[in-house]
């Protein structure tokens, strides 16, 4: 297995292209709990070009009925990226705000029960803060949204380290 760089520019370009519309190649999950993780998975795929079709624990999308839970589920997305086994696909680590780069991801707990929103980072300041970190998202569609503008209870940051290919 080889590790290749994650194409952050491609991920961010995709985020900008589809921030306020929906790519017809993918189902729109707005009516089924939200489209945010579906959208960021598309961004991540644009920057990685590798899916992991492991049943249940992989990260893939072929049709609305043939997709991994990690493609559309906030917690599953995080679990896939932080997995310990060396399987194909993008991988990352939980990090601090200061380490975020465009193409990374943020997860927000909007209420006390669970993390429920995943935007993609599209720009960061020289010294990242919640006020100069900008994100794109679906469900509440946004591009260049200031991260501090979200009314969150808790926040975590996912930094993509690379992509494993066979």
Protein backbone atom coordinates (compact mmCIF):
# COMPACT_ATOMS: atom_id res chain seq x y z
CA UNK A 1 0.00 0.00 0.00
CA UNK A 2 1.24 3.48 -0.88
CA UNK A 3 0.45 6.78 0.83
CA UNK A 4 -0.10 9.71 -1.52
CA UNK A 5 -0.82 13.36 -0.72
CA UNK A 6 -4.38 14.55 -0.31
CA UNK A 7 -5.21 17.13 -2.99
CA UNK A 8 -6.51 19.94 -0.79
CA UNK A 9 -6.96 22.32 -3.72
CA UNK A 10 -9.23 19.86 -5.51
CA UNK A 11 -11.29 19.33 -2.34
CA UNK A 12 -11.71 23.08 -1.77
CA UNK A 13 -12.48 23.76 -5.45
CA UNK A 14 -15.20 21.11 -5.27
CA UNK A 15 -16.53 22.67 -2.05
CA UNK A 16 -16.85 26.08 -3.73
CA UNK A 17 -18.39 24.61 -6.90
CA UNK A 18 -21.20 22.78 -5.05
CA UNK A 19 -21.71 24.88 -1.89
CA UNK A 20 -25.05 26.32 -3.02
CA UNK A 21 -26.26 23.53 -5.28
CA UNK A 22 -26.24 19.73 -5.48
CA UNK A 23 -24.12 17.53 -7.72
CA UNK A 24 -26.68 15.40 -9.61
CA UNK A 25 -24.34 12.38 -9.37
CA UNK A 26 -25.19 12.12 -5.66
CA UNK A 27 -28.47 11.87 -3.79
CA UNK A 28 -29.53 14.95 -1.82
CA UNK A 29 -30.10 13.93 1.81
CA UNK A 30 -31.57 17.27 2.95
CA UNK A 31 -34.95 15.64 3.52
CA UNK A 32 -33.44 12.71 5.43
CA UNK A 33 -31.59 14.38 8.27
CA UNK A 34 -29.25 16.63 6.32
CA UNK A 35 -26.77 16.64 3.46
CA UNK A 36 -23.67 17.96 5.25
CA UNK A 37 -21.64 14.76 5.56
CA UNK A 38 -22.65 13.62 2.07
CA UNK A 39 -21.31 16.95 0.77
CA UNK A 40 -18.03 16.81 2.70
CA UNK A 41 -17.55 13.20 1.60
CA UNK A 42 -17.84 14.42 -1.98
CA UNK A 43 -15.22 17.10 -1.21
CA UNK A 44 -12.95 14.51 0.40
CA UNK A 45 -13.37 12.21 -2.59
CA UNK A 46 -12.52 15.07 -4.96
CA UNK A 47 -9.23 15.44 -3.09
CA UNK A 48 -8.47 11.75 -2.65
CA UNK A 49 -9.98 9.91 -5.65
CA UNK A 50 -10.06 6.71 -3.58
CA UNK A 51 -13.05 5.06 -1.93
CA UNK A 52 -12.94 2.17 0.51
CA UNK A 53 -15.66 -0.35 -0.33
CA UNK A 54 -15.31 -2.43 2.83
CA UNK A 55 -18.87 -3.39 3.83
CA UNK A 56 -20.19 -1.51 6.87
CA UNK A 57 -16.89 0.12 7.94
CA UNK A 58 -15.69 1.53 4.60
CA UNK A 59 -16.29 4.87 2.96
CA UNK A 60 -17.97 4.73 -0.45
CA UNK A 61 -20.96 5.88 -2.47
CA UNK A 62 -22.35 4.16 -5.58
CA UNK A 63 -26.09 4.82 -5.28
CA UNK A 64 -28.38 6.16 -2.55
CA UNK A 65 -28.96 2.57 -1.44
CA UNK A 66 -25.37 1.42 -1.94
CA UNK A 67 -23.21 3.59 0.30
CA UNK A 68 -21.27 3.24 3.52
CA UNK A 69 -22.59 4.79 6.75
CA UNK A 70 -19.37 6.85 6.83
CA UNK A 71 -20.35 8.61 3.59
CA UNK A 72 -23.35 10.35 5.19
CA UNK A 73 -23.08 9.91 8.97
CA UNK A 74 -21.17 12.43 11.10
CA UNK A 75 -19.81 9.93 13.67
CA UNK A 76 -19.14 7.23 11.07
CA UNK A 77 -17.22 9.75 8.92
CA UNK A 78 -14.98 10.59 11.86
CA UNK A 79 -14.51 6.94 12.80
CA UNK A 80 -13.50 6.07 9.24
CA UNK A 81 -10.92 8.86 9.04
CA UNK A 82 -9.42 7.96 12.43
CA UNK A 83 -9.36 4.18 11.84
CA UNK A 84 -6.26 2.34 13.04
CA UNK A 85 -6.03 -0.35 10.37
CA UNK A 86 -4.15 0.56 7.22
CA UNK A 87 -6.89 0.19 4.63
CA UNK A 88 -7.32 2.16 1.40
CA UNK A 89 -8.74 5.65 1.38
CA UNK A 90 -8.14 8.99 3.04
CA UNK A 91 -7.09 9.02 6.68
CA UNK A 92 -6.51 11.64 9.31
CA UNK A 93 -6.25 12.60 12.93
CA UNK A 94 -8.15 14.69 15.41
CA UNK A 95 -6.19 17.90 15.90
CA UNK A 96 -6.30 21.42 17.28
CA UNK A 97 -7.68 24.46 15.53
CA UNK A 98 -4.16 25.80 14.94
CA UNK A 99 -3.31 22.78 12.74
CA UNK A 100 -6.29 23.09 10.38
CA UNK A 101 -5.67 23.58 6.68
CA UNK A 102 -8.06 24.09 3.78
CA UNK A 103 -9.60 20.74 2.90
CA UNK A 104 -9.78 19.60 6.53
CA UNK A 105 -13.05 19.15 8.41
CA UNK A 106 -14.81 20.46 11.49
CA UNK A 107 -17.51 18.66 13.41
CA UNK A 108 -19.99 20.51 15.58
CA UNK A 109 -22.20 19.41 18.42
CA UNK A 110 -25.13 21.74 17.90
CA UNK A 111 -27.00 20.42 20.91
CA UNK A 112 -26.05 18.41 24.00
CA UNK A 113 -26.80 15.01 22.51
CA UNK A 114 -24.41 14.42 19.60
CA UNK A 115 -22.15 15.83 16.94
CA UNK A 116 -24.49 16.55 14.05
CA UNK A 117 -22.79 18.84 11.53
CA UNK A 118 -19.65 18.55 9.40
CA UNK A 119 -18.42 21.53 7.36
CA UNK A 120 -15.25 21.56 5.23
CA UNK A 121 -12.53 24.16 5.86
CA UNK A 122 -12.02 26.39 2.79
CA UNK A 123 -9.69 29.06 4.25
CA UNK A 124 -7.74 29.76 7.42
CA UNK A 125 -5.91 32.78 8.74
CA UNK A 126 -2.17 32.82 9.41
CA UNK A 127 -2.94 32.02 13.04
CA UNK A 128 -6.24 30.14 12.85
CA UNK A 129 -9.03 31.24 15.16
CA UNK A 130 -12.76 30.60 15.07
CA UNK A 131 -13.08 34.08 13.53
CA UNK A 132 -10.69 33.60 10.59
CA UNK A 133 -11.43 29.95 9.79
CA UNK A 134 -13.92 29.81 6.93
CA UNK A 135 -16.01 26.79 6.00
CA UNK A 136 -18.41 25.53 3.35
CA UNK A 137 -21.39 23.32 4.20
CA UNK A 138 -24.66 21.82 3.08
CA UNK A 139 -28.00 21.59 4.89
CA UNK A 140 -27.61 25.23 5.90
CA UNK A 141 -25.79 25.93 2.64
CA UNK A 142 -22.73 28.12 3.06
CA UNK A 143 -19.41 29.06 1.51
CA UNK A 144 -16.77 31.17 3.23
CA UNK A 145 -18.84 31.05 6.43
CA UNK A 146 -17.02 32.17 9.57
CA UNK A 147 -16.70 29.18 11.87
CA UNK A 148 -17.45 31.32 14.93
CA UNK A 149 -20.93 32.06 13.49
CA UNK A 150 -22.15 28.55 14.37
CA UNK A 151 -23.96 28.23 17.73
CA UNK A 152 -22.20 25.05 18.81
CA UNK A 153 -21.92 23.31 22.17
CA UNK A 154 -18.70 21.48 21.30
CA UNK A 155 -16.29 21.37 18.36
CA UNK A 156 -13.64 19.01 17.02
CA UNK A 157 -11.20 19.24 14.14
CA UNK A 158 -10.22 16.52 11.65
CA UNK A 159 -6.94 16.94 9.75
CA UNK A 160 -6.36 14.78 6.67
CA UNK A 161 -2.89 13.24 6.66
CA UNK A 162 -2.97 11.49 3.29
CA UNK A 163 -4.55 8.85 1.12
CA UNK A 164 -3.71 5.16 1.05
CA UNK A 165 -3.79 3.47 -2.35
CA UNK A 166 -3.21 -0.13 -3.31
